[in-house]
Amino acid sequence: MAPRNPESETTSTLTEDTDQLGLDAVVKPEEVNEEDPPMKIVWKNVGIFSVLHLAALYSITLIPWSLPLTWAWVLVYCFFTAVGVTAGAHRLWSHRAYKAKTPLRVFLAFLQSAALQNNIFDWVRDHRVHHKYSETNADPHNATRGFFFSHVGWLMVKKHPKVLAKGKLISLQDMYNDPVVMIQKRFYKTSVLLMCFILPTVVPWYFWGETLWNSFYLASILRYTLVLNATWLVNSAAHIWGNKPYDKTINPSNNLGVALGAVGEGFHNYHHVFPHDYAASEFGVRLNVTTMFIDVMAFLGLASDRKTVSPKTIQMRKERTGEKSIKSS
């Protein structure tokens, strides 16, 4: 795939640092951090995530006793599961960074169910709150509370009152108006059962004779845990470690390791500065499999209106707020 062309007919080039969802207008910490009650642990969730990760560790021991085609299937399904989150819940629904025709929207909704990270509606609400109130008490996975909290700990405690309060103020009318989102929300548990557990388990067993035991632990449990942690790394590692070529005053950073592990979502300093860019990166398809997927869908006529940011705007932002060591390189 060739690098993206901001002047191509299938992209919409934006020349200002704003987007229609208002996610660039980040709220200052002091505006929402006055209330900080003690965290309340949800022990059920602690147990679920503990058992899940122990089962994933056990799954690794089954790899030598499984068929090579099963390993390939795990990798392929990992990719498509991740794309359901990155190209679907994140870039399409949360940021409306491009448009997708109904067949692609339905496909991405099924893949997002395979990721089992809450339904699209809830995912979008939490993510929009995260952007507007990043690194404050209203941020669901506030990275200033440390790596563990922003990685998985936030799912083991009750939501901060500010997260709940500010979540009610986020605009979600576009989600209510989207029949694909609302149908997925209604039938979410059924779609998760099918896409996260039944389908990935049955395919290796039915098509090339893998045991159901190996199929379940490798294609369902291990695959689910890997995608889950790859997604979490965007919230944790990419908010703590990396460089800041676009805005040195914010926590989100460009992290190459996360970009590789999370199929292109690790260019996080760029993404928080320009959340409306469909590539979530200045570099187009380079090290960004999700962008390549969206470009392929555009080539097939299923995606359109891919929003980009003009090179001039990017350079101006680098010079104004980026790290000096990055600007001079």
Protein backbone atom coordinates (compact mmCIF):
# COMPACT_ATOMS: atom_id res chain seq x y z
CA MET A 1 0.00 0.00 0.00
CA ALA A 2 1.29 3.49 -0.85
CA PRO A 3 1.52 6.16 1.88
CA ARG A 4 -1.65 8.20 2.26
CA ASN A 5 -2.10 11.19 -0.01
CA PRO A 6 -3.82 14.09 1.79
CA GLU A 7 -4.83 15.56 -1.54
CA SER A 8 -6.51 12.41 -2.89
CA GLU A 9 -10.17 12.48 -3.80
CA THR A 10 -11.16 9.96 -1.13
CA THR A 11 -9.79 11.95 1.81
CA SER A 12 -10.99 15.10 3.53
CA THR A 13 -8.08 17.33 4.55
CA LEU A 14 -8.57 19.39 7.70
CA THR A 15 -6.48 22.50 8.22
CA GLU A 16 -7.35 23.39 11.82
CA ASP A 17 -6.68 21.71 15.17
CA THR A 18 -10.39 21.17 15.89
CA ASP A 19 -12.91 18.41 15.28
CA GLN A 20 -16.69 18.24 15.27
CA LEU A 21 -16.85 16.16 18.46
CA GLY A 22 -14.97 18.77 20.48
CA LEU A 23 -12.37 16.28 21.70
CA ASP A 24 -9.48 18.67 21.12
CA ALA A 25 -10.86 20.94 23.87
CA VAL A 26 -9.25 19.03 26.73
CA VAL A 27 -10.38 20.05 30.20
CA LYS A 28 -7.73 21.07 32.73
CA PRO A 29 -7.19 18.69 35.71
CA GLU A 30 -8.02 21.33 38.32
CA GLU A 31 -11.51 21.65 36.84
CA VAL A 32 -12.49 18.08 37.74
CA ASN A 33 -9.98 16.83 40.33
CA GLU A 34 -11.44 18.40 43.45
CA GLU A 35 -13.39 15.21 44.28
CA ASP A 36 -11.24 12.16 44.94
CA PRO A 37 -12.96 9.55 47.14
CA PRO A 38 -11.17 6.25 47.89
CA MET A 39 -11.37 3.61 45.17
CA LYS A 40 -13.79 0.76 45.77
CA ILE A 41 -12.53 -2.60 44.54
CA VAL A 42 -14.91 -4.77 42.51
CA TRP A 43 -13.73 -8.19 43.66
CA LYS A 44 -15.75 -10.03 41.02
CA ASN A 45 -13.77 -8.29 38.29
CA VAL A 46 -10.49 -8.96 40.10
CA GLY A 47 -11.37 -12.66 40.11
CA ILE A 48 -12.44 -12.70 36.45
CA PHE A 49 -9.27 -11.02 35.16
CA SER A 50 -7.06 -13.15 37.41
CA VAL A 51 -8.60 -16.39 36.18
CA LEU A 52 -8.49 -15.17 32.57
CA HIS A 53 -4.76 -14.45 32.69
CA LEU A 54 -3.97 -17.71 34.47
CA ALA A 55 -5.92 -19.54 31.76
CA ALA A 56 -3.98 -17.61 29.10
CA LEU A 57 -0.69 -18.68 30.68
CA TYR A 58 -1.90 -22.28 30.62
CA SER A 59 -2.88 -21.82 26.96
CA ILE A 60 0.74 -21.08 26.06
CA THR A 61 1.75 -24.57 27.24
CA LEU A 62 -0.63 -26.05 24.64
CA ILE A 63 1.11 -24.43 21.66
CA PRO A 64 3.62 -27.29 21.09
CA TRP A 65 0.72 -29.78 21.10
CA SER A 66 -1.47 -27.91 18.65
CA LEU A 67 -1.48 -27.82 14.84
CA PRO A 68 0.37 -25.09 12.87
CA LEU A 69 -2.88 -24.09 11.18
CA THR A 70 -4.28 -23.34 14.62
CA TRP A 71 -1.41 -20.95 15.32
CA ALA A 72 -2.11 -19.21 12.02
CA TRP A 73 -5.81 -18.99 12.86
CA VAL A 74 -5.03 -17.42 16.24
CA LEU A 75 -2.90 -14.73 14.56
CA VAL A 76 -5.50 -14.03 11.86
CA TYR A 77 -8.35 -13.83 14.36
CA CYS A 78 -6.21 -11.64 16.64
CA PHE A 79 -5.81 -9.20 13.76
CA PHE A 80 -9.50 -9.06 12.85
CA THR A 81 -10.55 -8.85 16.50
CA ALA A 82 -8.18 -5.91 17.00
CA VAL A 83 -9.46 -4.21 13.85
CA GLY A 84 -12.98 -4.37 15.27
CA VAL A 85 -11.71 -2.11 18.05
CA THR A 86 -9.22 0.10 16.20
CA ALA A 87 -10.94 0.65 12.84
CA GLY A 88 -14.41 0.17 14.30
CA ALA A 89 -15.09 1.33 17.85
CA HIS A 90 -12.18 3.75 17.84
CA ARG A 91 -11.63 5.48 14.50
CA LEU A 92 -15.07 5.01 12.94
CA TRP A 93 -17.52 5.31 15.83
CA SER A 94 -15.64 7.25 18.53
CA HIS A 95 -14.00 9.83 16.27
CA ARG A 96 -16.02 9.57 13.04
CA ALA A 97 -12.68 9.87 11.24
CA TYR A 98 -14.11 8.22 8.12
CA LYS A 99 -17.41 6.92 6.80
CA ALA A 100 -18.30 3.26 6.26
CA LYS A 101 -21.09 1.66 4.30
CA THR A 102 -23.52 -0.66 6.10
CA PRO A 103 -21.81 -3.98 5.16
CA LEU A 104 -18.51 -2.73 6.61
CA ARG A 105 -20.23 -1.32 9.70
CA VAL A 106 -21.94 -4.66 10.36
CA PHE A 107 -18.65 -6.53 9.80
CA LEU A 108 -16.80 -4.23 12.22
CA ALA A 109 -19.60 -4.56 14.80
CA PHE A 110 -19.24 -8.35 14.77
CA LEU A 111 -15.46 -8.05 15.10
CA GLN A 112 -15.86 -5.59 17.98
CA SER A 113 -18.03 -8.18 19.75
CA ALA A 114 -15.20 -10.68 19.31
CA ALA A 115 -12.96 -8.32 21.31
CA LEU A 116 -15.33 -8.36 24.34
CA GLN A 117 -14.48 -4.83 25.52
CA ASN A 118 -18.03 -3.61 26.16
CA ASN A 119 -20.49 -2.86 23.38
CA ILE A 120 -19.76 -0.11 20.86
CA PHE A 121 -22.07 2.39 22.57
CA ASP A 122 -20.38 2.09 25.97
CA TRP A 123 -16.90 1.93 24.40
CA VAL A 124 -17.51 5.17 22.51
CA ARG A 125 -18.90 6.96 25.57
CA ASP A 126 -15.89 6.03 27.72
CA HIS A 127 -13.43 6.88 24.97
CA ARG A 128 -14.90 10.31 24.29
CA VAL A 129 -14.80 11.05 28.04
CA HIS A 130 -11.17 9.88 28.06
CA HIS A 131 -10.22 12.35 25.33
CA LYS A 132 -12.07 15.36 26.71
CA TYR A 133 -10.95 14.80 30.31
CA SER A 134 -7.63 13.05 29.70
CA GLU A 135 -5.50 12.50 32.82
CA THR A 136 -8.12 13.84 35.22
CA ASN A 137 -10.48 12.13 37.66
CA ALA A 138 -13.07 12.09 34.86
CA ASP A 139 -10.78 9.97 32.68
CA PRO A 140 -11.86 6.29 33.06
CA HIS A 141 -8.21 5.10 32.88
CA ASN A 142 -6.39 8.14 34.24
CA ALA A 143 -2.68 7.41 33.63
CA THR A 144 -1.57 9.72 36.44
CA ARG A 145 -2.75 6.98 38.81
CA GLY A 146 0.04 4.72 37.52
CA PHE A 147 0.65 2.01 34.96
CA PHE A 148 -1.38 -0.74 36.64
CA PHE A 149 -4.45 1.43 37.09
CA SER A 150 -4.45 2.72 33.50
CA HIS A 151 -3.73 -0.75 32.13
CA VAL A 152 -6.27 -2.92 33.96
CA GLY A 153 -6.82 -1.57 37.47
CA TRP A 154 -9.53 0.85 36.30
CA LEU A 155 -11.64 -2.19 35.41
CA MET A 156 -11.19 -3.64 38.90
CA VAL A 157 -12.67 -0.67 40.77
CA LYS A 158 -15.92 1.25 40.61
CA LYS A 159 -15.88 4.21 38.26
CA HIS A 160 -14.90 7.52 39.79
CA PRO A 161 -17.98 9.75 40.36
CA LYS A 162 -16.52 12.28 37.91
CA VAL A 163 -16.33 9.63 35.17
CA LEU A 164 -20.01 8.88 35.63
CA ALA A 165 -20.99 12.54 35.82
CA LYS A 166 -19.02 13.70 32.79
CA GLY A 167 -20.04 10.63 30.80
CA LYS A 168 -23.63 11.81 30.95
CA LEU A 169 -22.63 15.10 29.32
CA ILE A 170 -20.84 13.59 26.31
CA SER A 171 -22.70 13.84 23.01
CA LEU A 172 -23.84 10.39 21.85
CA GLN A 173 -26.71 11.29 19.55
CA ASP A 174 -24.85 9.84 16.59
CA MET A 175 -24.71 6.51 18.41
CA TYR A 176 -28.44 6.56 19.11
CA ASN A 177 -29.04 7.31 15.44
CA ASP A 178 -26.89 4.41 14.23
CA PRO A 179 -28.99 1.21 13.89
CA VAL A 180 -25.89 -1.00 13.73
CA VAL A 181 -24.68 0.33 17.08
CA MET A 182 -28.05 0.02 18.75
CA ILE A 183 -28.72 -3.51 17.44
CA GLN A 184 -25.28 -4.62 18.60
CA LYS A 185 -25.98 -3.09 22.01
CA ARG A 186 -29.28 -4.96 22.26
CA PHE A 187 -27.85 -8.34 21.26
CA TYR A 188 -24.35 -7.84 22.65
CA LYS A 189 -24.19 -10.89 24.92
CA THR A 190 -25.32 -13.20 22.11
CA SER A 191 -22.85 -11.71 19.65
CA VAL A 192 -20.00 -12.05 22.18
CA LEU A 193 -20.84 -15.70 22.79
CA LEU A 194 -20.79 -16.34 19.05
CA MET A 195 -17.82 -14.19 17.97
CA CYS A 196 -15.52 -14.31 21.00
CA PHE A 197 -15.93 -17.96 21.97
CA ILE A 198 -17.94 -20.22 19.65
CA LEU A 199 -16.65 -19.20 16.20
CA PRO A 200 -12.91 -19.07 17.02
CA THR A 201 -13.16 -22.42 18.81
CA VAL A 202 -15.21 -24.28 16.19
CA VAL A 203 -13.17 -23.26 13.11
CA PRO A 204 -9.92 -25.14 14.00
CA TRP A 205 -11.87 -28.15 15.28
CA TYR A 206 -14.18 -28.42 12.26
CA PHE A 207 -11.84 -27.52 9.38
CA TRP A 208 -8.51 -29.15 10.28
CA GLY A 209 -9.21 -31.47 13.18
CA GLU A 210 -7.77 -29.54 16.10
CA THR A 211 -8.99 -30.70 19.50
CA LEU A 212 -11.78 -28.64 21.04
CA TRP A 213 -9.63 -28.23 24.14
CA ASN A 214 -6.73 -26.67 22.23
CA SER A 215 -9.08 -24.66 20.03
CA PHE A 216 -10.86 -23.12 23.00
CA TYR A 217 -7.77 -22.21 25.00
CA LEU A 218 -5.71 -20.93 22.07
CA ALA A 219 -8.25 -19.31 19.73
CA SER A 220 -10.61 -18.03 22.41
CA ILE A 221 -8.80 -17.54 25.74
CA LEU A 222 -5.23 -16.75 24.62
CA ARG A 223 -6.34 -14.72 21.60
CA TYR A 224 -8.82 -12.70 23.66
CA THR A 225 -6.24 -11.98 26.37
CA LEU A 226 -3.60 -10.88 23.86
CA VAL A 227 -5.95 -8.43 22.14
CA LEU A 228 -7.20 -7.16 25.49
CA ASN A 229 -3.68 -6.36 26.69
CA ALA A 230 -2.69 -4.82 23.36
CA THR A 231 -5.65 -2.44 23.72
CA TRP A 232 -4.82 -1.70 27.34
CA LEU A 233 -1.24 -0.77 26.42
CA VAL A 234 -2.60 2.19 24.48
CA ASN A 235 -4.18 3.44 27.71
CA SER A 236 -1.15 2.71 29.88
CA ALA A 237 2.26 2.49 28.15
CA ALA A 238 1.39 5.03 25.45
CA HIS A 239 0.33 7.48 28.16
CA ILE A 240 3.56 7.07 30.12
CA TRP A 241 6.52 6.27 27.84
CA GLY A 242 7.54 7.62 24.44
CA ASN A 243 8.22 10.90 22.67
CA LYS A 244 6.00 13.92 22.14
CA PRO A 245 6.66 15.48 18.73
CA TYR A 246 3.32 17.35 18.63
CA ASP A 247 2.51 18.45 22.18
CA LYS A 248 5.01 18.12 25.02
CA THR A 249 2.47 19.33 27.59
CA ILE A 250 0.26 16.22 27.51
CA ASN A 251 0.88 12.67 28.72
CA PRO A 252 -0.02 10.71 25.55
CA SER A 253 3.18 9.76 23.71
CA ASN A 254 4.27 8.17 20.47
CA ASN A 255 5.32 4.64 21.46
CA LEU A 256 6.69 2.42 18.68
CA GLY A 257 6.24 -0.80 20.66
CA VAL A 258 2.57 -0.07 21.25
CA ALA A 259 2.14 0.91 17.60
CA LEU A 260 3.39 -2.53 16.54
CA GLY A 261 1.43 -4.47 19.16
CA ALA A 262 -1.83 -2.53 18.83
CA VAL A 263 -1.96 -2.56 14.99
CA GLY A 264 -1.11 1.13 14.61
CA GLU A 265 -2.61 2.76 17.71
CA GLY A 266 0.68 3.72 19.38
CA PHE A 267 1.20 7.13 17.74
CA HIS A 268 -0.67 8.52 20.69
CA ASN A 269 0.79 11.99 21.03
CA TYR A 270 -0.34 12.65 17.46
CA HIS A 271 -3.74 11.07 18.06
CA HIS A 272 -4.56 13.21 21.09
CA VAL A 273 -3.56 16.34 19.20
CA PHE A 274 -5.43 15.37 16.02
CA PRO A 275 -8.09 12.82 17.14
CA HIS A 276 -10.09 13.24 13.93
CA ASP A 277 -7.33 11.90 11.60
CA TYR A 278 -8.41 8.48 10.29
CA ALA A 279 -4.79 7.22 10.28
CA ALA A 280 -4.17 8.23 13.92
CA SER A 281 -0.66 9.01 12.72
CA GLU A 282 1.29 11.41 10.53
CA PHE A 283 2.85 8.49 8.68
CA GLY A 284 -0.13 6.92 6.92
CA VAL A 285 0.13 3.13 6.53
CA ARG A 286 3.70 2.89 7.85
CA LEU A 287 3.65 0.67 10.96
CA ASN A 288 -0.12 1.10 10.92
CA VAL A 289 -2.05 -1.99 9.86
CA THR A 290 -5.38 -0.43 10.82
CA THR A 291 -4.84 2.43 8.40
CA MET A 292 -3.96 -0.09 5.70
CA PHE A 293 -7.20 -1.96 6.44
CA ILE A 294 -9.26 1.23 6.10
CA ASP A 295 -7.47 2.09 2.85
CA VAL A 296 -8.26 -1.36 1.46
CA MET A 297 -11.91 -0.89 2.42
CA ALA A 298 -11.87 2.49 0.64
CA PHE A 299 -10.39 0.81 -2.45
CA LEU A 300 -13.28 -1.67 -2.33
CA GLY A 301 -15.77 1.17 -2.07
CA LEU A 302 -16.82 0.38 1.50
CA ALA A 303 -15.11 3.34 3.22
CA SER A 304 -14.97 7.00 2.26
CA ASP A 305 -14.34 10.54 3.51
CA ARG A 306 -11.12 9.59 5.31
CA LYS A 307 -10.20 12.69 7.29
CA THR A 308 -6.56 13.79 7.36
CA VAL A 309 -4.64 16.80 8.62
CA SER A 310 -2.65 19.00 6.23
CA PRO A 311 1.16 18.71 6.47
CA LYS A 312 1.33 22.48 7.06
CA THR A 313 -0.95 22.23 10.11
CA ILE A 314 1.07 19.31 11.48
CA GLN A 315 4.36 21.19 11.07
CA MET A 316 2.96 24.34 12.65
CA ARG A 317 1.78 22.34 15.67
CA LYS A 318 5.19 20.66 16.00
CA GLU A 319 6.94 24.02 16.01
CA ARG A 320 4.50 25.51 18.50
CA THR A 321 4.13 22.80 21.15
CA GLY A 322 6.31 19.80 20.23
CA GLU A 323 9.44 18.62 22.00
CA LYS A 324 12.48 20.60 20.88
CA SER A 325 14.58 17.49 20.29
CA ILE A 326 11.89 16.21 17.93
CA LYS A 327 11.35 19.51 16.12
CA SER A 328 15.03 19.92 15.32
CA SER A 329 15.49 16.40 13.97
